[in-house]
Protein backbone atom coordinates (compact mmCIF):
# COMPACT_ATOMS: atom_id res chain seq x y z
CA MET A 1 111.81 -73.22 -33.96
CA LEU A 2 115.46 -73.98 -34.74
CA SER A 3 116.85 -72.15 -31.73
CA PRO A 4 120.54 -71.26 -31.69
CA ARG A 5 122.84 -72.65 -29.04
CA GLU A 6 126.24 -71.30 -28.12
CA ASN A 7 129.63 -73.04 -28.12
CA ILE A 8 128.45 -76.40 -29.43
CA PRO A 9 131.02 -78.51 -31.26
CA LEU A 10 130.18 -79.91 -34.67
CA LEU A 11 128.82 -83.43 -34.70
CA PRO A 12 131.08 -86.33 -35.59
CA ILE A 13 130.52 -87.42 -39.18
CA GLU A 14 131.28 -90.71 -40.92
CA THR A 15 131.00 -91.20 -44.66
CA GLY A 16 130.78 -94.00 -47.21
CA ASP A 17 130.99 -97.64 -46.16
CA GLU A 18 132.11 -96.62 -42.66
CA ALA A 19 128.86 -94.68 -42.22
CA ILE A 20 126.79 -97.78 -42.97
CA SER A 21 128.92 -100.23 -40.97
CA SER A 22 128.78 -97.88 -37.95
CA LEU A 23 124.98 -97.84 -37.78
CA THR A 24 123.73 -99.13 -34.45
CA ASP A 25 119.97 -98.86 -35.00
CA LYS A 26 118.12 -101.61 -36.89
CA ARG A 27 115.70 -99.12 -38.49
CA LEU A 28 118.60 -97.14 -39.95
CA ARG A 29 120.22 -100.35 -41.16
CA ALA A 30 116.89 -101.16 -42.86
CA ILE A 31 116.90 -97.73 -44.54
CA ALA A 32 120.48 -98.38 -45.72
CA ALA A 33 119.44 -101.79 -47.10
CA SER A 34 116.46 -100.18 -48.84
CA TYR A 35 118.77 -97.58 -50.38
CA ARG A 36 120.98 -100.37 -51.76
CA ASP A 37 117.87 -101.96 -53.29
CA TRP A 38 116.72 -98.64 -54.76
CA ALA A 39 120.14 -97.99 -56.32
CA ARG A 40 120.45 -101.55 -57.67
CA ASP A 41 123.43 -101.38 -60.03
CA LYS A 42 123.66 -97.56 -59.99
CA PRO A 43 126.05 -95.62 -57.76
CA ILE A 44 123.23 -93.28 -56.64
CA ALA A 45 119.53 -94.06 -56.29
CA ALA A 46 116.87 -91.78 -57.77
CA ARG A 47 113.79 -90.47 -55.98
CA SER A 48 111.73 -92.30 -58.61
CA ASP A 49 113.27 -95.61 -57.41
CA ILE A 50 111.69 -95.23 -53.97
CA VAL A 51 108.38 -96.97 -53.37
CA PRO A 52 107.06 -95.72 -50.01
CA ARG A 53 104.47 -98.49 -49.67
CA LYS A 54 107.34 -101.00 -49.48
CA ILE A 55 108.79 -99.32 -46.36
CA PRO A 56 105.73 -98.29 -44.29
CA ARG A 57 107.39 -99.01 -40.92
CA LEU A 58 110.37 -96.81 -41.82
CA LEU A 59 108.40 -93.74 -42.98
CA PRO A 60 108.10 -92.19 -39.48
CA TYR A 61 111.93 -91.97 -39.37
CA ILE A 62 112.45 -90.55 -42.88
CA LEU A 63 113.58 -87.06 -43.86
CA LEU A 64 113.60 -85.92 -47.48
CA PHE A 65 115.34 -82.72 -48.56
CA ASP A 66 115.23 -80.90 -51.89
CA ARG A 67 118.51 -79.28 -52.89
CA VAL A 68 117.99 -75.62 -53.74
CA THR A 69 120.67 -73.52 -55.41
CA GLN A 70 120.21 -69.76 -55.59
CA HIS A 71 122.84 -67.17 -56.44
CA GLY A 72 125.55 -69.85 -56.36
CA ARG A 73 124.70 -70.96 -52.83
CA THR A 74 123.24 -74.33 -51.91
CA GLY A 75 120.50 -74.74 -49.36
CA PHE A 76 117.88 -77.36 -48.61
CA SER A 77 114.12 -77.39 -48.28
CA THR A 78 112.60 -80.06 -46.07
CA ARG A 79 110.08 -81.90 -48.23
CA LEU A 80 109.18 -84.60 -45.70
CA CYS A 81 109.71 -84.94 -41.96
CA GLY A 82 108.50 -88.25 -40.50
CA SER A 83 106.21 -88.33 -37.50
CA GLU A 84 108.82 -89.79 -35.12
CA ILE A 85 111.22 -86.98 -36.09
CA VAL A 86 108.46 -84.38 -35.53
CA ASP A 87 107.93 -85.88 -32.07
CA MET A 88 111.66 -85.82 -31.32
CA LEU A 89 112.07 -82.19 -32.45
CA ARG A 90 108.73 -81.06 -31.01
CA PHE A 91 107.87 -79.32 -34.31
CA ASP A 92 107.30 -80.26 -37.95
CA ALA A 93 110.26 -79.17 -40.08
CA THR A 94 108.39 -79.86 -43.35
CA GLY A 95 108.75 -76.79 -45.56
CA GLN A 96 111.65 -75.36 -43.55
CA PHE A 97 114.58 -73.95 -45.49
CA ILE A 98 118.03 -74.84 -44.22
CA GLY A 99 120.79 -72.67 -45.60
CA ALA A 100 124.54 -72.76 -45.33
CA ASP A 101 124.50 -69.14 -44.21
CA ALA A 102 122.96 -69.96 -40.81
CA PRO A 103 125.04 -69.00 -37.75
CA LYS A 104 127.58 -71.68 -36.80
CA ASP A 105 125.94 -72.13 -33.39
CA ASP A 106 122.59 -72.96 -34.99
CA ILE A 107 121.34 -76.49 -35.63
CA SER A 108 120.49 -75.42 -39.21
CA PHE A 109 124.19 -74.89 -39.88
CA ARG A 110 125.00 -78.42 -38.67
CA ILE A 111 122.24 -79.95 -40.79
CA ALA A 112 123.32 -77.99 -43.90
CA ARG A 113 126.94 -79.00 -43.26
CA THR A 114 125.97 -82.68 -43.06
CA LEU A 115 123.84 -82.50 -46.22
CA ASN A 116 126.62 -80.69 -48.09
CA ILE A 117 129.01 -83.51 -47.14
CA VAL A 118 126.54 -85.95 -48.76
CA ILE A 119 126.75 -83.87 -51.95
CA GLU A 120 130.56 -83.50 -51.82
CA THR A 121 131.24 -87.18 -51.16
CA ARG A 122 128.29 -88.50 -53.22
CA ALA A 123 128.06 -91.13 -50.48
CA PRO A 124 126.14 -91.93 -47.29
CA VAL A 125 126.84 -89.77 -44.25
CA ARG A 126 126.17 -90.79 -40.64
CA ALA A 127 125.91 -88.42 -37.69
CA SER A 128 125.14 -89.10 -34.05
CA GLY A 129 125.18 -87.27 -30.76
CA ASN A 130 122.94 -85.00 -28.76
CA LEU A 131 120.23 -83.13 -30.62
CA GLN A 132 121.80 -79.70 -29.93
CA LEU A 133 118.45 -77.93 -30.03
CA ALA A 134 117.52 -75.59 -27.19
CA GLY A 135 115.44 -77.50 -24.67
CA ARG A 136 116.14 -80.84 -26.38
CA GLU A 137 119.87 -81.23 -25.61
CA PHE A 138 119.22 -84.40 -23.63
CA VAL A 139 117.89 -86.22 -26.70
CA ARG A 140 120.48 -88.48 -28.33
CA PHE A 141 120.07 -89.41 -31.97
CA GLU A 142 121.60 -91.36 -34.82
CA ALA A 143 121.09 -90.37 -38.47
CA ILE A 144 122.08 -91.55 -41.93
CA PHE A 145 121.69 -89.58 -45.18
CA PHE A 146 121.94 -90.70 -48.82
CA PRO A 147 122.14 -88.78 -52.12
CA LEU A 148 119.38 -89.05 -54.72
CA SER A 149 119.91 -88.28 -58.40
CA GLU A 150 117.52 -88.76 -61.33
CA ASP A 151 120.26 -88.44 -63.96
CA GLY A 152 123.03 -90.17 -62.01
CA GLU A 153 125.07 -86.97 -61.90
CA THR A 154 123.25 -84.08 -60.23
CA ILE A 155 122.16 -84.67 -56.65
CA GLU A 156 118.72 -83.08 -56.44
CA LYS A 157 117.51 -84.61 -53.19
CA ILE A 158 118.82 -86.21 -50.04
CA ILE A 159 116.95 -88.88 -48.13
CA GLY A 160 117.77 -89.80 -44.59
CA GLY A 161 116.64 -91.52 -41.47
CA VAL A 162 116.83 -90.20 -37.92
CA VAL A 163 116.09 -92.13 -34.72
CA ARG A 164 116.40 -91.44 -31.03
CA SER A 165 119.23 -93.32 -29.41
CA PRO A 166 118.76 -94.72 -25.94
CA VAL A 167 120.78 -92.98 -23.27
CA SER A 168 122.58 -95.14 -20.75
CA TRP A 169 123.31 -93.76 -17.31
CA ASP A 170 127.04 -93.52 -18.02
CA GLN A 171 126.32 -91.21 -21.01
CA LYS A 172 124.60 -88.58 -18.86
């Protein structure tokens, strides 16, 4: 499933307003606009603010993670993996656990690192680059992740969007 790769640099990360202003994909910009609507006057939206029927065209690009803390370590369980993401990865990551203790050359480590930055900054985080998954290295992507908190303090979930980015010939 999440096959390790060797000697892969960490993905570039942007946070906060820069993450949103750097988005190049209109679907991800729509997810960012929806997040602003969900949060309204709050600094962080809650899962209960999200109404999936209002964003049906975005659902195939959505990821939802539950934050899991055990023995003082934070990890993430994939609650939802949209159909376009399943197609991009070539497997359904729903139910997969992503822990911070994964090897640094594993895609799970990069995902956990990105999600932990969302928690640390309490702000949106954007990542882009090549998929860095064995056999799928040629796939370019762009992603944005947002914190979710029911009480406004504790981040229990992270919602994000991931899309394939077109590859131009000069990027190959």
